[in-house]
């Protein structure tokens, strides 16, 4: 059975990947629909990508 610490770190990684995937989907949908670089979908997509990647980076620094 996994320890609570392992479950926590696994769930952090999972949600980080979910945020990254949402960011990619937001960017893809916005750009294919003709949205510009400063449209809300593009900005939210970049924000979600940044949050997911940043959380993965912080998580890797904390577990090392």
PDB file of N, CA and C in Angstrom:
ATOM      1  N   UNK A   1       0.844  -1.179   0.000  1.00  0.00           N
ATOM      2  CA  UNK A   1       0.000   0.000   0.000  1.00  0.00           C
ATOM      3  C   UNK A   1       0.893   1.248   0.000  1.00  0.00           C
ATOM      4  N   UNK A   2       0.503   2.217  -0.789  1.00  0.00           N
ATOM      5  CA  UNK A   2       1.287   3.442  -0.922  1.00  0.00           C
ATOM      6  C   UNK A   2       1.116   4.317   0.317  1.00  0.00           C
ATOM      7  N   UNK A   3       2.181   5.006   0.663  1.00  0.00           N
ATOM      8  CA  UNK A   3       2.118   5.915   1.806  1.00  0.00           C
ATOM      9  C   UNK A   3       1.336   7.175   1.404  1.00  0.00           C
ATOM     10  N   UNK A   4       0.814   7.892   2.391  1.00  0.00           N
ATOM     11  CA  UNK A   4       0.085   9.128   2.064  1.00  0.00           C
ATOM     12  C   UNK A   4       0.947  10.140   1.300  1.00  0.00           C
ATOM     13  N   UNK A   5       2.246  10.165   1.593  1.00  0.00           N
ATOM     14  CA  UNK A   5       3.147  11.071   0.877  1.00  0.00           C
ATOM     15  C   UNK A   5       3.228  10.718  -0.611  1.00  0.00           C
ATOM     16  N   UNK A   6       3.294   9.423  -0.914  1.00  0.00           N
ATOM     17  CA  UNK A   6       3.348   8.986  -2.309  1.00  0.00           C
ATOM     18  C   UNK A   6       2.044   9.297  -3.029  1.00  0.00           C
ATOM     19  N   UNK A   7       0.930   9.116  -2.334  1.00  0.00           N
ATOM     20  CA  UNK A   7      -0.373   9.421  -2.932  1.00  0.00           C
ATOM     21  C   UNK A   7      -0.476  10.911  -3.226  1.00  0.00           C
ATOM     22  N   UNK A   8      -0.015  11.741  -2.298  1.00  0.00           N
ATOM     23  CA  UNK A   8      -0.048  13.187  -2.492  1.00  0.00           C
ATOM     24  C   UNK A   8       0.790  13.594  -3.705  1.00  0.00           C
ATOM     25  N   UNK A   9       2.020  13.116  -3.788  1.00  0.00           N
ATOM     26  CA  UNK A   9       2.890  13.487  -4.906  1.00  0.00           C
ATOM     27  C   UNK A   9       2.348  12.964  -6.234  1.00  0.00           C
ATOM     28  N   UNK A  10       1.754  11.788  -6.217  1.00  0.00           N
ATOM     29  CA  UNK A  10       1.134  11.257  -7.429  1.00  0.00           C
ATOM     30  C   UNK A  10      -0.051  12.098  -7.882  1.00  0.00           C
ATOM     31  N   UNK A  11      -0.869  12.540  -6.923  1.00  0.00           N
ATOM     32  CA  UNK A  11      -2.027  13.357  -7.290  1.00  0.00           C
ATOM     33  C   UNK A  11      -1.599  14.743  -7.769  1.00  0.00           C
ATOM     34  N   UNK A  12      -0.525  15.285  -7.199  1.00  0.00           N
ATOM     35  CA  UNK A  12      -0.012  16.576  -7.672  1.00  0.00           C
ATOM     36  C   UNK A  12       0.448  16.452  -9.123  1.00  0.00           C
ATOM     37  N   UNK A  13       1.173  15.387  -9.426  1.00  0.00           N
ATOM     38  CA  UNK A  13       1.618  15.172 -10.814  1.00  0.00           C
ATOM     39  C   UNK A  13       0.427  14.995 -11.752  1.00  0.00           C
ATOM     40  N   UNK A  14      -0.561  14.217 -11.312  1.00  0.00           N
ATOM     41  CA  UNK A  14      -1.740  13.983 -12.146  1.00  0.00           C
ATOM     42  C   UNK A  14      -2.457  15.296 -12.463  1.00  0.00           C
ATOM     43  N   UNK A  15      -2.723  16.110 -11.448  1.00  0.00           N
ATOM     44  CA  UNK A  15      -3.414  17.367 -11.681  1.00  0.00           C
ATOM     45  C   UNK A  15      -2.566  18.346 -12.484  1.00  0.00           C
ATOM     46  N   UNK A  16      -1.260  18.279 -12.330  1.00  0.00           N
ATOM     47  CA  UNK A  16      -0.391  19.126 -13.146  1.00  0.00           C
ATOM     48  C   UNK A  16      -0.513  18.764 -14.616  1.00  0.00           C
ATOM     49  N   UNK A  17      -0.519  17.465 -14.915  1.00  0.00           N
ATOM     50  CA  UNK A  17      -0.678  17.030 -16.301  1.00  0.00           C
ATOM     51  C   UNK A  17      -2.066  17.385 -16.832  1.00  0.00           C
ATOM     52  N   UNK A  18      -3.077  17.339 -15.979  1.00  0.00           N
ATOM     53  CA  UNK A  18      -4.427  17.735 -16.403  1.00  0.00           C
ATOM     54  C   UNK A  18      -4.449  19.221 -16.767  1.00  0.00           C
ATOM     55  N   UNK A  19      -3.807  20.061 -15.952  1.00  0.00           N
ATOM     56  CA  UNK A  19      -3.744  21.484 -16.262  1.00  0.00           C
ATOM     57  C   UNK A  19      -2.999  21.728 -17.567  1.00  0.00           C
ATOM     58  N   UNK A  20      -1.908  21.010 -17.793  1.00  0.00           N
ATOM     59  CA  UNK A  20      -1.157  21.162 -19.047  1.00  0.00           C
ATOM     60  C   UNK A  20      -2.027  20.750 -20.239  1.00  0.00           C
ATOM     61  N   UNK A  21      -2.739  19.646 -20.099  1.00  0.00           N
ATOM     62  CA  UNK A  21      -3.612  19.186 -21.184  1.00  0.00           C
ATOM     63  C   UNK A  21      -4.725  20.197 -21.461  1.00  0.00           C
ATOM     64  N   UNK A  22      -5.313  20.764 -20.407  1.00  0.00           N
ATOM     65  CA  UNK A  22      -6.349  21.779 -20.600  1.00  0.00           C
ATOM     66  C   UNK A  22      -5.795  23.007 -21.309  1.00  0.00           C
ATOM     67  N   UNK A  23      -4.573  23.382 -20.970  1.00  0.00           N
ATOM     68  CA  UNK A  23      -3.943  24.513 -21.630  1.00  0.00           C
ATOM     69  C   UNK A  23      -3.730  24.269 -23.107  1.00  0.00           C
ATOM     70  N   UNK A  24      -3.271  23.075 -23.439  1.00  0.00           N
ATOM     71  CA  UNK A  24      -3.053  22.732 -24.847  1.00  0.00           C
ATOM     72  C   UNK A  24      -4.376  22.718 -25.601  1.00  0.00           C
ATOM     73  N   UNK A  25      -5.406  22.155 -24.993  1.00  0.00           N
ATOM     74  CA  UNK A  25      -6.720  22.108 -25.645  1.00  0.00           C
ATOM     75  C   UNK A  25      -7.270  23.522 -25.838  1.00  0.00           C
ATOM     76  N   UNK A  26      -7.158  24.363 -24.811  1.00  0.00           N
ATOM     77  CA  UNK A  26      -7.619  25.745 -24.940  1.00  0.00           C
ATOM     78  C   UNK A  26      -6.899  26.470 -26.070  1.00  0.00           C
ATOM     79  N   UNK A  27      -5.589  26.297 -26.134  1.00  0.00           N
ATOM     80  CA  UNK A  27      -4.834  26.941 -27.206  1.00  0.00           C
ATOM     81  C   UNK A  27      -5.247  26.412 -28.577  1.00  0.00           C
ATOM     82  N   UNK A  28      -5.378  25.101 -28.693  1.00  0.00           N
ATOM     83  CA  UNK A  28      -5.727  24.504 -29.986  1.00  0.00           C
ATOM     84  C   UNK A  28      -7.102  24.960 -30.450  1.00  0.00           C
ATOM     85  N   UNK A  29      -8.075  24.924 -29.558  1.00  0.00           N
ATOM     86  CA  UNK A  29      -9.439  25.320 -29.933  1.00  0.00           C
ATOM     87  C   UNK A  29      -9.496  26.801 -30.285  1.00  0.00           C
ATOM     88  N   UNK A  30      -8.826  27.616 -29.497  1.00  0.00           N
ATOM     89  CA  UNK A  30      -8.842  29.058 -29.757  1.00  0.00           C
ATOM     90  C   UNK A  30      -8.181  29.399 -31.079  1.00  0.00           C
ATOM     91  N   UNK A  31      -7.015  28.823 -31.333  1.00  0.00           N
ATOM     92  CA  UNK A  31      -6.298  29.158 -32.562  1.00  0.00           C
ATOM     93  C   UNK A  31      -6.982  28.598 -33.806  1.00  0.00           C
ATOM     94  N   UNK A  32      -7.604  27.409 -33.703  1.00  0.00           N
ATOM     95  CA  UNK A  32      -8.318  26.873 -34.869  1.00  0.00           C
ATOM     96  C   UNK A  32      -9.613  27.636 -35.135  1.00  0.00           C
ATOM     97  N   UNK A  33     -10.169  28.254 -34.095  1.00  0.00           N
ATOM     98  CA  UNK A  33     -11.397  29.035 -34.288  1.00  0.00           C
ATOM     99  C   UNK A  33     -11.097  30.447 -34.768  1.00  0.00           C
ATOM    100  N   UNK A  34      -9.823  30.770 -34.930  1.00  0.00           N
ATOM    101  CA  UNK A  34      -9.464  32.070 -35.460  1.00  0.00           C
ATOM    102  C   UNK A  34      -9.139  33.109 -34.409  1.00  0.00           C
ATOM    103  N   UNK A  35      -8.936  32.670 -33.182  1.00  0.00           N
ATOM    104  CA  UNK A  35      -8.585  33.608 -32.119  1.00  0.00           C
ATOM    105  C   UNK A  35      -7.177  34.137 -32.290  1.00  0.00           C
ATOM    106  N   UNK A  36      -6.976  35.355 -31.901  1.00  0.00           N
ATOM    107  CA  UNK A  36      -5.665  35.976 -32.019  1.00  0.00           C
ATOM    108  C   UNK A  36      -4.789  35.673 -30.813  1.00  0.00           C
ATOM    109  N   UNK A  37      -3.604  36.278 -30.818  1.00  0.00           N
ATOM    110  CA  UNK A  37      -2.659  36.035 -29.738  1.00  0.00           C
ATOM    111  C   UNK A  37      -3.098  36.643 -28.418  1.00  0.00           C
ATOM    112  N   UNK A  38      -3.918  37.684 -28.463  1.00  0.00           N
ATOM    113  CA  UNK A  38      -4.368  38.318 -27.232  1.00  0.00           C
ATOM    114  C   UNK A  38      -5.815  37.975 -26.883  1.00  0.00           C
ATOM    115  N   UNK A  39      -6.354  36.923 -27.472  1.00  0.00           N
ATOM    116  CA  UNK A  39      -7.720  36.527 -27.139  1.00  0.00           C
ATOM    117  C   UNK A  39      -7.734  35.826 -25.776  1.00  0.00           C
ATOM    118  N   UNK A  40      -8.906  35.768 -25.190  1.00  0.00           N
ATOM    119  CA  UNK A  40      -9.047  35.199 -23.853  1.00  0.00           C
ATOM    120  C   UNK A  40      -8.633  33.734 -23.832  1.00  0.00           C
ATOM    121  N   UNK A  41      -9.011  32.975 -24.838  1.00  0.00           N
ATOM    122  CA  UNK A  41      -8.662  31.558 -24.886  1.00  0.00           C
ATOM    123  C   UNK A  41      -7.165  31.326 -24.950  1.00  0.00           C
ATOM    124  N   UNK A  42      -6.475  32.149 -25.712  1.00  0.00           N
ATOM    125  CA  UNK A  42      -5.019  32.025 -25.809  1.00  0.00           C
ATOM    126  C   UNK A  42      -4.357  32.356 -24.470  1.00  0.00           C
ATOM    127  N   UNK A  43      -4.799  33.435 -23.859  1.00  0.00           N
ATOM    128  CA  UNK A  43      -4.228  33.826 -22.573  1.00  0.00           C
ATOM    129  C   UNK A  43      -4.512  32.789 -21.493  1.00  0.00           C
ATOM    130  N   UNK A  44      -5.727  32.251 -21.475  1.00  0.00           N
ATOM    131  CA  UNK A  44      -6.049  31.204 -20.498  1.00  0.00           C
ATOM    132  C   UNK A  44      -5.262  29.926 -20.769  1.00  0.00           C
ATOM    133  N   UNK A  45      -5.090  29.583 -22.042  1.00  0.00           N
ATOM    134  CA  UNK A  45      -4.301  28.410 -22.388  1.00  0.00           C
ATOM    135  C   UNK A  45      -2.868  28.537 -21.912  1.00  0.00           C
ATOM    136  N   UNK A  46      -2.276  29.703 -22.129  1.00  0.00           N
ATOM    137  CA  UNK A  46      -0.904  29.936 -21.668  1.00  0.00           C
ATOM    138  C   UNK A  46      -0.847  29.905 -20.143  1.00  0.00           C
ATOM    139  N   UNK A  47      -1.852  30.455 -19.489  1.00  0.00           N
ATOM    140  CA  UNK A  47      -1.910  30.453 -18.029  1.00  0.00           C
ATOM    141  C   UNK A  47      -1.996  29.028 -17.486  1.00  0.00           C
ATOM    142  N   UNK A  48      -2.862  28.207 -18.071  1.00  0.00           N
ATOM    143  CA  UNK A  48      -2.989  26.817 -17.629  1.00  0.00           C
ATOM    144  C   UNK A  48      -1.694  26.040 -17.866  1.00  0.00           C
ATOM    145  N   UNK A  49      -1.069  26.267 -19.009  1.00  0.00           N
ATOM    146  CA  UNK A  49       0.219  25.613 -19.272  1.00  0.00           C
ATOM    147  C   UNK A  49       1.259  26.026 -18.234  1.00  0.00           C
ATOM    148  N   UNK A  50       1.306  27.295 -17.921  1.00  0.00           N
ATOM    149  CA  UNK A  50       2.258  27.784 -16.939  1.00  0.00           C
ATOM    150  C   UNK A  50       2.003  27.227 -15.545  1.00  0.00           C
ATOM    151  N   UNK A  51       0.743  27.167 -15.151  1.00  0.00           N
ATOM    152  CA  UNK A  51       0.405  26.628 -13.834  1.00  0.00           C
ATOM    153  C   UNK A  51       0.795  25.159 -13.745  1.00  0.00           C
ATOM    154  N   UNK A  52       0.451  24.386 -14.764  1.00  0.00           N
ATOM    155  CA  UNK A  52       0.783  22.957 -14.743  1.00  0.00           C
ATOM    156  C   UNK A  52       2.277  22.709 -14.757  1.00  0.00           C
ATOM    157  N   UNK A  53       2.995  23.404 -15.628  1.00  0.00           N
ATOM    158  CA  UNK A  53       4.444  23.216 -15.711  1.00  0.00           C
ATOM    159  C   UNK A  53       5.136  23.717 -14.449  1.00  0.00           C
ATOM    160  N   UNK A  54       4.670  24.825 -13.922  1.00  0.00           N
ATOM    161  CA  UNK A  54       5.262  25.350 -12.696  1.00  0.00           C
ATOM    162  C   UNK A  54       5.054  24.430 -11.515  1.00  0.00           C
ATOM    163  N   UNK A  55       3.875  23.862 -11.432  1.00  0.00           N
ATOM    164  CA  UNK A  55       3.600  22.944 -10.316  1.00  0.00           C
ATOM    165  C   UNK A  55       4.423  21.672 -10.450  1.00  0.00           C
ATOM    166  N   UNK A  56       4.605  21.184 -11.665  1.00  0.00           N
ATOM    167  CA  UNK A  56       5.472  20.019 -11.867  1.00  0.00           C
ATOM    168  C   UNK A  56       6.917  20.338 -11.455  1.00  0.00           C
ATOM    169  N   UNK A  57       7.383  21.518 -11.817  1.00  0.00           N
ATOM    170  CA  UNK A  57       8.739  21.919 -11.491  1.00  0.00           C
ATOM    171  C   UNK A  57       8.930  22.042  -9.973  1.00  0.00           C
ATOM    172  N   UNK A  58       7.965  22.686  -9.303  1.00  0.00           N
ATOM    173  CA  UNK A  58       8.054  22.831  -7.847  1.00  0.00           C
ATOM    174  C   UNK A  58       7.994  21.466  -7.176  1.00  0.00           C
ATOM    175  N   UNK A  59       7.126  20.602  -7.663  1.00  0.00           N
ATOM    176  CA  UNK A  59       7.004  19.269  -7.097  1.00  0.00           C
ATOM    177  C   UNK A  59       8.295  18.473  -7.249  1.00  0.00           C
ATOM    178  N   UNK A  60       8.955  18.609  -8.397  1.00  0.00           N
ATOM    179  CA  UNK A  60      10.203  17.873  -8.597  1.00  0.00           C
ATOM    180  C   UNK A  60      11.318  18.421  -7.703  1.00  0.00           C
ATOM    181  N   UNK A  61      11.283  19.725  -7.432  1.00  0.00           N
ATOM    182  CA  UNK A  61      12.288  20.325  -6.558  1.00  0.00           C
ATOM    183  C   UNK A  61      12.065  19.933  -5.104  1.00  0.00           C
ATOM    184  N   UNK A  62      10.813  19.737  -4.692  1.00  0.00           N
ATOM    185  CA  UNK A  62      10.499  19.402  -3.310  1.00  0.00           C
ATOM    186  C   UNK A  62      10.807  17.937  -2.998  1.00  0.00           C
ATOM    187  N   UNK A  63      10.631  17.072  -3.987  1.00  0.00           N
ATOM    188  CA  UNK A  63      10.842  15.638  -3.727  1.00  0.00           C
ATOM    189  C   UNK A  63      12.311  15.244  -3.842  1.00  0.00           C
ATOM    190  N   UNK A  64      13.140  16.074  -4.448  1.00  0.00           N
ATOM    191  CA  UNK A  64      14.557  15.742  -4.625  1.00  0.00           C
ATOM    192  C   UNK A  64      15.368  16.006  -3.373  1.00  0.00           C
TER     193      UNK A  64
END
